[in-house]
Protein backbone atom coordinates (compact mmCIF):
# COMPACT_ATOMS: atom_id res chain seq x y z
CA MET A 1 -0.01 -0.03 0.02
CA GLU A 2 1.46 3.39 -0.90
CA LYS A 3 1.71 6.10 1.59
CA LEU A 4 -0.66 8.98 1.46
CA THR A 5 0.74 12.37 0.07
CA SER A 6 -0.56 15.61 1.28
CA MET A 7 -2.27 15.95 -2.15
CA ASP A 8 -4.06 12.85 -1.32
CA ILE A 9 -5.13 13.96 1.89
CA LEU A 10 -6.35 17.31 0.33
CA GLY A 11 -8.23 15.30 -2.04
CA LEU A 12 -9.84 13.31 0.93
CA ILE A 13 -10.84 16.42 2.88
CA ALA A 14 -12.30 18.03 -0.50
CA GLY A 15 -14.20 14.84 -1.20
CA THR A 16 -15.60 14.40 2.10
CA LEU A 17 -16.81 18.02 2.25
CA THR A 18 -18.28 17.90 -1.22
CA THR A 19 -19.71 14.63 -0.89
CA ILE A 20 -21.53 15.39 2.67
CA ALA A 21 -22.81 18.48 1.00
CA PHE A 22 -25.58 16.27 -0.52
CA VAL A 23 -26.73 14.63 2.83
CA PRO A 24 -28.85 17.55 3.82
CA GLN A 25 -30.50 17.72 0.50
CA LEU A 26 -31.09 14.17 0.63
CA ILE A 27 -32.69 14.22 3.98
CA LYS A 28 -34.73 17.19 3.15
CA VAL A 29 -36.43 15.37 0.27
CA TRP A 30 -36.96 12.36 2.10
CA ASN A 31 -38.63 14.29 5.31
CA SER A 32 -40.52 16.46 3.17
CA LYS A 33 -41.78 13.59 0.48
CA SER A 34 -41.07 16.22 -2.08
CA ALA A 35 -38.46 16.77 -4.59
CA LYS A 36 -40.44 19.06 -6.85
CA ASP A 37 -37.94 21.95 -6.87
CA ILE A 38 -34.83 19.53 -8.04
CA SER A 39 -34.47 19.64 -11.71
CA TYR A 40 -34.30 16.28 -13.46
CA SER A 41 -31.84 17.55 -16.05
CA MET A 42 -29.50 19.13 -13.52
CA PHE A 43 -29.30 15.70 -11.59
CA ILE A 44 -29.17 13.78 -14.73
CA LEU A 45 -26.10 15.84 -16.10
CA PHE A 46 -24.62 15.52 -12.64
CA VAL A 47 -24.95 12.13 -12.39
CA ILE A 48 -23.21 11.62 -15.87
CA GLY A 49 -20.48 13.97 -14.68
CA ILE A 50 -20.00 11.70 -11.81
CA VAL A 51 -19.85 8.64 -13.84
CA LEU A 52 -16.96 10.39 -15.94
CA TRP A 53 -15.13 11.39 -12.71
CA GLU A 54 -15.08 8.04 -11.61
CA ILE A 55 -13.81 6.56 -14.78
CA TYR A 56 -11.13 9.28 -14.44
CA GLY A 57 -10.35 8.22 -11.05
CA TRP A 58 -9.89 4.90 -11.90
CA GLY A 59 -7.49 5.87 -15.13
CA ILE A 60 -5.59 7.95 -12.69
CA HIS A 61 -5.42 5.48 -9.65
CA SER A 62 -6.74 8.09 -7.34
CA LEU A 63 -8.31 6.97 -3.97
CA PRO A 64 -10.20 10.31 -3.06
CA VAL A 65 -11.59 10.55 -6.74
CA ILE A 66 -12.66 6.81 -6.77
CA LEU A 67 -13.87 7.04 -3.25
CA PHE A 68 -15.91 9.84 -3.15
CA ASN A 69 -17.36 9.71 -6.74
CA VAL A 70 -18.92 6.35 -5.85
CA ILE A 71 -20.54 7.95 -2.78
CA THR A 72 -21.63 11.03 -4.43
CA PHE A 73 -23.10 9.11 -7.38
CA ILE A 74 -25.16 6.96 -4.95
CA LEU A 75 -26.39 9.92 -2.93
CA GLY A 76 -27.26 11.89 -6.43
CA VAL A 77 -29.06 8.71 -7.80
CA ALA A 78 -30.92 8.42 -4.50
CA ILE A 79 -32.10 12.02 -4.80
CA LEU A 80 -33.18 11.31 -8.38
CA VAL A 81 -35.04 8.00 -7.42
CA LEU A 82 -36.77 9.74 -4.53
CA LYS A 83 -38.01 12.60 -6.95
CA PHE A 84 -39.41 10.23 -9.35
CA ILE A 85 -41.08 8.26 -6.44
CA PHE A 86 -42.60 11.13 -4.91
CA GLU A 87 -43.62 12.68 -8.21
CA LYS A 88 -45.22 9.77 -9.12
CA ASN A 89 -47.39 9.35 -5.75
CA ASP A 90 -48.36 13.04 -5.92
CA GLY A 91 -49.66 12.00 -9.42
CA GLN A 92 -51.70 9.15 -8.05
CA SER A 93 -53.15 11.05 -5.09
CA GLY A 94 -54.14 13.94 -7.54
CA ASP A 95 -56.29 11.34 -9.34
CA ILE A 96 -58.55 10.68 -6.54
CA GLN A 97 -60.86 13.52 -5.81
CA THR A 98 -63.52 13.35 -3.01
CA THR A 99 -66.66 15.68 -2.96
CA SER A 100 -68.25 16.54 0.36
CA ASN A 101 -71.93 17.77 0.71
C-alpha cells in the first residue's frame, strides 16, 4: 500500500466536504416527501459527470476521486429516485378526488 501524500489528504478532505454537502438535500427530500424543486436535467447531467469522474479516477488510480465519486453517485441517484417516486405518488393522489356535501 502506498503512503498517502499531502495531495491525497487534500483530495480526501475535499471529497468529504463535497460529498456530505448532498446529505442535507437528501434528508430534506426524504423528510418532506417532495423533490419538486429539484431539476431532473441538472441531476441527470450531474450523475453523468460523476460517472465520468469515476472513470477518470480509476484511470489515474486516485483513491479520493474513486471513493468520493462512488458515494456522491449513490447520493445523487438516491435523490433522483426519490424525486421520481414522490412525483409519481403526487400524481396518483391527485387522481382521486372526493366531494363533500
